[in-house]
Amino acid sequence: MSTPTKILIGGVGAFLVLSILGWWTVALILLGVTAIPVVGYLMLDPSQRRRVRAQGRKRLGS
């Protein structure tokens, strides 16, 4: 399946979900999906955050 086809299917699916649930519900879901990793990162100790950042840099170089 080509990339434009995947984008089209995703857009149609997002439109259907938005039309069924209402835009407030979709906005709250997107906020939750964004907030959960941020809160998880902020709960780490400073040493654990350094390890997470080091792994990200290590992946960029490979």
PDB file of N, CA and C in Angstrom:
ATOM      1  N   MET A   1       0.855  -1.168   0.000  1.00  0.00           N
ATOM      2  CA  MET A   1       0.000   0.000   0.000  1.00  0.00           C
ATOM      3  C   MET A   1       0.904   1.235   0.000  1.00  0.00           C
ATOM      4  N   SER A   2       0.603   2.187  -0.850  1.00  0.00           N
ATOM      5  CA  SER A   2       1.458   3.363  -0.975  1.00  0.00           C
ATOM      6  C   SER A   2       1.201   4.342   0.171  1.00  0.00           C
ATOM      7  N   THR A   3       2.148   5.239   0.367  1.00  0.00           N
ATOM      8  CA  THR A   3       2.044   6.221   1.454  1.00  0.00           C
ATOM      9  C   THR A   3       0.843   7.147   1.294  1.00  0.00           C
ATOM     10  N   PRO A   4       0.570   7.694   0.096  1.00  0.00           N
ATOM     11  CA  PRO A   4      -0.622   8.540  -0.032  1.00  0.00           C
ATOM     12  C   PRO A   4      -1.927   7.810   0.292  1.00  0.00           C
ATOM     13  N   THR A   5      -1.990   6.533  -0.021  1.00  0.00           N
ATOM     14  CA  THR A   5      -3.189   5.756   0.298  1.00  0.00           C
ATOM     15  C   THR A   5      -3.350   5.615   1.808  1.00  0.00           C
ATOM     16  N   LYS A   6      -2.241   5.373   2.517  1.00  0.00           N
ATOM     17  CA  LYS A   6      -2.288   5.262   3.973  1.00  0.00           C
ATOM     18  C   LYS A   6      -2.735   6.581   4.597  1.00  0.00           C
ATOM     19  N   ILE A   7      -2.246   7.687   4.081  1.00  0.00           N
ATOM     20  CA  ILE A   7      -2.624   9.004   4.598  1.00  0.00           C
ATOM     21  C   ILE A   7      -4.108   9.261   4.348  1.00  0.00           C
ATOM     22  N   LEU A   8      -4.585   8.895   3.181  1.00  0.00           N
ATOM     23  CA  LEU A   8      -5.997   9.071   2.851  1.00  0.00           C
ATOM     24  C   LEU A   8      -6.886   8.242   3.777  1.00  0.00           C
ATOM     25  N   ILE A   9      -6.511   6.995   4.006  1.00  0.00           N
ATOM     26  CA  ILE A   9      -7.294   6.134   4.900  1.00  0.00           C
ATOM     27  C   ILE A   9      -7.277   6.690   6.322  1.00  0.00           C
ATOM     28  N   GLY A  10      -6.132   7.168   6.779  1.00  0.00           N
ATOM     29  CA  GLY A  10      -6.044   7.765   8.108  1.00  0.00           C
ATOM     30  C   GLY A  10      -6.882   9.018   8.228  1.00  0.00           C
ATOM     31  N   GLY A  11      -6.891   9.838   7.197  1.00  0.00           N
ATOM     32  CA  GLY A  11      -7.705  11.051   7.208  1.00  0.00           C
ATOM     33  C   GLY A  11      -9.192  10.752   7.241  1.00  0.00           C
ATOM     34  N   VAL A  12      -9.612   9.760   6.467  1.00  0.00           N
ATOM     35  CA  VAL A  12     -11.025   9.372   6.472  1.00  0.00           C
ATOM     36  C   VAL A  12     -11.404   8.808   7.834  1.00  0.00           C
ATOM     37  N   GLY A  13     -10.540   7.998   8.414  1.00  0.00           N
ATOM     38  CA  GLY A  13     -10.803   7.442   9.741  1.00  0.00           C
ATOM     39  C   GLY A  13     -10.878   8.538  10.798  1.00  0.00           C
ATOM     40  N   ALA A  14      -9.979   9.501  10.724  1.00  0.00           N
ATOM     41  CA  ALA A  14     -10.010  10.610  11.689  1.00  0.00           C
ATOM     42  C   ALA A  14     -11.284  11.430  11.526  1.00  0.00           C
ATOM     43  N   PHE A  15     -11.722  11.643  10.292  1.00  0.00           N
ATOM     44  CA  PHE A  15     -12.953  12.386  10.059  1.00  0.00           C
ATOM     45  C   PHE A  15     -14.158  11.650  10.630  1.00  0.00           C
ATOM     46  N   LEU A  16     -14.192  10.341  10.440  1.00  0.00           N
ATOM     47  CA  LEU A  16     -15.314   9.557  10.971  1.00  0.00           C
ATOM     48  C   LEU A  16     -15.348   9.598  12.497  1.00  0.00           C
ATOM     49  N   VAL A  17     -14.187   9.443  13.114  1.00  0.00           N
ATOM     50  CA  VAL A  17     -14.132   9.496  14.574  1.00  0.00           C
ATOM     51  C   VAL A  17     -14.547  10.876  15.063  1.00  0.00           C
ATOM     52  N   LEU A  18     -14.072  11.915  14.399  1.00  0.00           N
ATOM     53  CA  LEU A  18     -14.414  13.284  14.787  1.00  0.00           C
ATOM     54  C   LEU A  18     -15.908  13.545  14.632  1.00  0.00           C
ATOM     55  N   SER A  19     -16.499  13.038  13.555  1.00  0.00           N
ATOM     56  CA  SER A  19     -17.925  13.289  13.340  1.00  0.00           C
ATOM     57  C   SER A  19     -18.800  12.487  14.304  1.00  0.00           C
ATOM     58  N   ILE A  20     -18.333  11.317  14.731  1.00  0.00           N
ATOM     59  CA  ILE A  20     -19.122  10.498  15.650  1.00  0.00           C
ATOM     60  C   ILE A  20     -18.989  10.994  17.089  1.00  0.00           C
ATOM     61  N   LEU A  21     -17.778  11.281  17.535  1.00  0.00           N
ATOM     62  CA  LEU A  21     -17.539  11.605  18.937  1.00  0.00           C
ATOM     63  C   LEU A  21     -17.698  13.086  19.263  1.00  0.00           C
ATOM     64  N   GLY A  22     -17.502  13.940  18.315  1.00  0.00           N
ATOM     65  CA  GLY A  22     -17.494  15.366  18.599  1.00  0.00           C
ATOM     66  C   GLY A  22     -16.061  15.826  18.816  1.00  0.00           C
ATOM     67  N   TRP A  23     -15.822  17.086  18.530  1.00  0.00           N
ATOM     68  CA  TRP A  23     -14.434  17.541  18.526  1.00  0.00           C
ATOM     69  C   TRP A  23     -13.884  17.721  19.925  1.00  0.00           C
ATOM     70  N   TRP A  24     -14.716  17.957  20.945  1.00  0.00           N
ATOM     71  CA  TRP A  24     -14.219  18.069  22.316  1.00  0.00           C
ATOM     72  C   TRP A  24     -13.645  16.737  22.792  1.00  0.00           C
ATOM     73  N   THR A  25     -14.323  15.663  22.492  1.00  0.00           N
ATOM     74  CA  THR A  25     -13.842  14.347  22.908  1.00  0.00           C
ATOM     75  C   THR A  25     -12.529  14.017  22.223  1.00  0.00           C
ATOM     76  N   VAL A  26     -12.439  14.300  20.945  1.00  0.00           N
ATOM     77  CA  VAL A  26     -11.207  14.036  20.209  1.00  0.00           C
ATOM     78  C   VAL A  26     -10.072  14.901  20.743  1.00  0.00           C
ATOM     79  N   ALA A  27     -10.354  16.170  21.068  1.00  0.00           N
ATOM     80  CA  ALA A  27      -9.327  17.047  21.631  1.00  0.00           C
ATOM     81  C   ALA A  27      -8.827  16.513  22.972  1.00  0.00           C
ATOM     82  N   LEU A  28      -9.731  16.008  23.804  1.00  0.00           N
ATOM     83  CA  LEU A  28      -9.316  15.440  25.094  1.00  0.00           C
ATOM     84  C   LEU A  28      -8.481  14.175  24.908  1.00  0.00           C
ATOM     85  N   ILE A  29      -8.831  13.357  23.930  1.00  0.00           N
ATOM     86  CA  ILE A  29      -8.047  12.144  23.659  1.00  0.00           C
ATOM     87  C   ILE A  29      -6.641  12.524  23.198  1.00  0.00           C
ATOM     88  N   LEU A  30      -6.539  13.482  22.288  1.00  0.00           N
ATOM     89  CA  LEU A  30      -5.220  13.914  21.816  1.00  0.00           C
ATOM     90  C   LEU A  30      -4.396  14.534  22.932  1.00  0.00           C
ATOM     91  N   LEU A  31      -5.042  15.290  23.808  1.00  0.00           N
ATOM     92  CA  LEU A  31      -4.346  15.870  24.952  1.00  0.00           C
ATOM     93  C   LEU A  31      -3.818  14.766  25.864  1.00  0.00           C
ATOM     94  N   GLY A  32      -4.616  13.744  26.099  1.00  0.00           N
ATOM     95  CA  GLY A  32      -4.166  12.632  26.929  1.00  0.00           C
ATOM     96  C   GLY A  32      -3.017  11.872  26.308  1.00  0.00           C
ATOM     97  N   VAL A  33      -3.091  11.642  24.999  1.00  0.00           N
ATOM     98  CA  VAL A  33      -2.022  10.926  24.304  1.00  0.00           C
ATOM     99  C   VAL A  33      -0.714  11.711  24.363  1.00  0.00           C
ATOM    100  N   THR A  34      -0.807  13.029  24.365  1.00  0.00           N
ATOM    101  CA  THR A  34       0.386  13.866  24.450  1.00  0.00           C
ATOM    102  C   THR A  34       0.872  13.986  25.887  1.00  0.00           C
ATOM    103  N   ALA A  35      -0.051  14.093  26.839  1.00  0.00           N
ATOM    104  CA  ALA A  35       0.324  14.371  28.222  1.00  0.00           C
ATOM    105  C   ALA A  35       0.923  13.157  28.921  1.00  0.00           C
ATOM    106  N   ILE A  36       0.502  11.956  28.602  1.00  0.00           N
ATOM    107  CA  ILE A  36       0.979  10.770  29.320  1.00  0.00           C
ATOM    108  C   ILE A  36       2.493  10.592  29.197  1.00  0.00           C
ATOM    109  N   PRO A  37       3.109  10.658  28.004  1.00  0.00           N
ATOM    110  CA  PRO A  37       4.566  10.534  27.942  1.00  0.00           C
ATOM    111  C   PRO A  37       5.299  11.708  28.608  1.00  0.00           C
ATOM    112  N   VAL A  38       4.730  12.904  28.524  1.00  0.00           N
ATOM    113  CA  VAL A  38       5.367  14.067  29.144  1.00  0.00           C
ATOM    114  C   VAL A  38       5.389  13.913  30.661  1.00  0.00           C
ATOM    115  N   VAL A  39       4.272  13.514  31.236  1.00  0.00           N
ATOM    116  CA  VAL A  39       4.213  13.314  32.689  1.00  0.00           C
ATOM    117  C   VAL A  39       5.148  12.182  33.101  1.00  0.00           C
ATOM    118  N   GLY A  40       5.200  11.123  32.316  1.00  0.00           N
ATOM    119  CA  GLY A  40       6.117  10.021  32.617  1.00  0.00           C
ATOM    120  C   GLY A  40       7.564  10.466  32.605  1.00  0.00           C
ATOM    121  N   TYR A  41       7.939  11.306  31.640  1.00  0.00           N
ATOM    122  CA  TYR A  41       9.310  11.815  31.572  1.00  0.00           C
ATOM    123  C   TYR A  41       9.613  12.718  32.758  1.00  0.00           C
ATOM    124  N   LEU A  42       8.654  13.565  33.137  1.00  0.00           N
ATOM    125  CA  LEU A  42       8.884  14.476  34.251  1.00  0.00           C
ATOM    126  C   LEU A  42       8.962  13.742  35.590  1.00  0.00           C
ATOM    127  N   MET A  43       8.431  12.532  35.682  1.00  0.00           N
ATOM    128  CA  MET A  43       8.500  11.766  36.916  1.00  0.00           C
ATOM    129  C   MET A  43       9.849  11.079  37.111  1.00  0.00           C
ATOM    130  N   LEU A  44      10.696  11.088  36.094  1.00  0.00           N
ATOM    131  CA  LEU A  44      11.995  10.437  36.214  1.00  0.00           C
ATOM    132  C   LEU A  44      12.957  11.267  37.060  1.00  0.00           C
ATOM    133  N   ASP A  45      13.912  10.571  37.680  1.00  0.00           N
ATOM    134  CA  ASP A  45      14.999  11.255  38.388  1.00  0.00           C
ATOM    135  C   ASP A  45      15.902  11.924  37.351  1.00  0.00           C
ATOM    136  N   PRO A  46      16.702  12.922  37.778  1.00  0.00           N
ATOM    137  CA  PRO A  46      17.628  13.549  36.823  1.00  0.00           C
ATOM    138  C   PRO A  46      18.599  12.549  36.180  1.00  0.00           C
ATOM    139  N   SER A  47      19.056  11.550  36.930  1.00  0.00           N
ATOM    140  CA  SER A  47      19.978  10.569  36.341  1.00  0.00           C
ATOM    141  C   SER A  47      19.260   9.710  35.294  1.00  0.00           C
ATOM    142  N   GLN A  48      18.003   9.389  35.556  1.00  0.00           N
ATOM    143  CA  GLN A  48      17.248   8.601  34.580  1.00  0.00           C
ATOM    144  C   GLN A  48      16.967   9.416  33.327  1.00  0.00           C
ATOM    145  N   ARG A  49      16.712  10.716  33.484  1.00  0.00           N
ATOM    146  CA  ARG A  49      16.498  11.571  32.309  1.00  0.00           C
ATOM    147  C   ARG A  49      17.751  11.634  31.457  1.00  0.00           C
ATOM    148  N   ARG A  50      18.926  11.697  32.120  1.00  0.00           N
ATOM    149  CA  ARG A  50      20.187  11.717  31.360  1.00  0.00           C
ATOM    150  C   ARG A  50      20.329  10.440  30.542  1.00  0.00           C
ATOM    151  N   ARG A  51      19.972   9.304  31.142  1.00  0.00           N
ATOM    152  CA  ARG A  51      20.066   8.037  30.414  1.00  0.00           C
ATOM    153  C   ARG A  51      19.123   8.011  29.222  1.00  0.00           C
ATOM    154  N   VAL A  52      17.915   8.544  29.390  1.00  0.00           N
ATOM    155  CA  VAL A  52      16.946   8.579  28.286  1.00  0.00           C
ATOM    156  C   VAL A  52      17.476   9.470  27.162  1.00  0.00           C
ATOM    157  N   ARG A  53      17.994  10.640  27.531  1.00  0.00           N
ATOM    158  CA  ARG A  53      18.533  11.542  26.498  1.00  0.00           C
ATOM    159  C   ARG A  53      19.737  10.926  25.799  1.00  0.00           C
ATOM    160  N   ALA A  54      20.595  10.205  26.544  1.00  0.00           N
ATOM    161  CA  ALA A  54      21.767   9.566  25.943  1.00  0.00           C
ATOM    162  C   ALA A  54      21.342   8.494  24.949  1.00  0.00           C
ATOM    163  N   GLN A  55      20.304   7.744  25.278  1.00  0.00           N
ATOM    164  CA  GLN A  55      19.826   6.725  24.337  1.00  0.00           C
ATOM    165  C   GLN A  55      19.290   7.358  23.069  1.00  0.00           C
ATOM    166  N   GLY A  56      18.605   8.490  23.199  1.00  0.00           N
ATOM    167  CA  GLY A  56      18.095   9.183  22.009  1.00  0.00           C
ATOM    168  C   GLY A  56      19.218   9.640  21.103  1.00  0.00           C
ATOM    169  N   ARG A  57      20.281  10.161  21.716  1.00  0.00           N
ATOM    170  CA  ARG A  57      21.431  10.587  20.908  1.00  0.00           C
ATOM    171  C   ARG A  57      22.130   9.408  20.282  1.00  0.00           C
ATOM    172  N   LYS A  58      22.192   8.283  21.004  1.00  0.00           N
ATOM    173  CA  LYS A  58      22.852   7.096  20.489  1.00  0.00           C
ATOM    174  C   LYS A  58      22.112   6.567  19.265  1.00  0.00           C
ATOM    175  N   ARG A  59      20.785   6.608  19.295  1.00  0.00           N
ATOM    176  CA  ARG A  59      19.984   6.125  18.158  1.00  0.00           C
ATOM    177  C   ARG A  59      20.154   7.028  16.943  1.00  0.00           C
ATOM    178  N   LEU A  60      20.309   8.345  17.176  1.00  0.00           N
ATOM    179  CA  LEU A  60      20.454   9.254  16.042  1.00  0.00           C
ATOM    180  C   LEU A  60      21.731   8.964  15.266  1.00  0.00           C
ATOM    181  N   GLY A  61      22.786   8.534  15.955  1.00  0.00           N
ATOM    182  CA  GLY A  61      24.063   8.286  15.297  1.00  0.00           C
ATOM    183  C   GLY A  61      24.137   6.964  14.581  1.00  0.00           C
ATOM    184  N   SER A  62      23.231   6.045  14.842  1.00  0.00           N
ATOM    185  CA  SER A  62      23.350   4.718  14.233  1.00  0.00           C
ATOM    186  C   SER A  62      22.668   4.626  12.888  1.00  0.00           C
TER     187      SER A  62
END
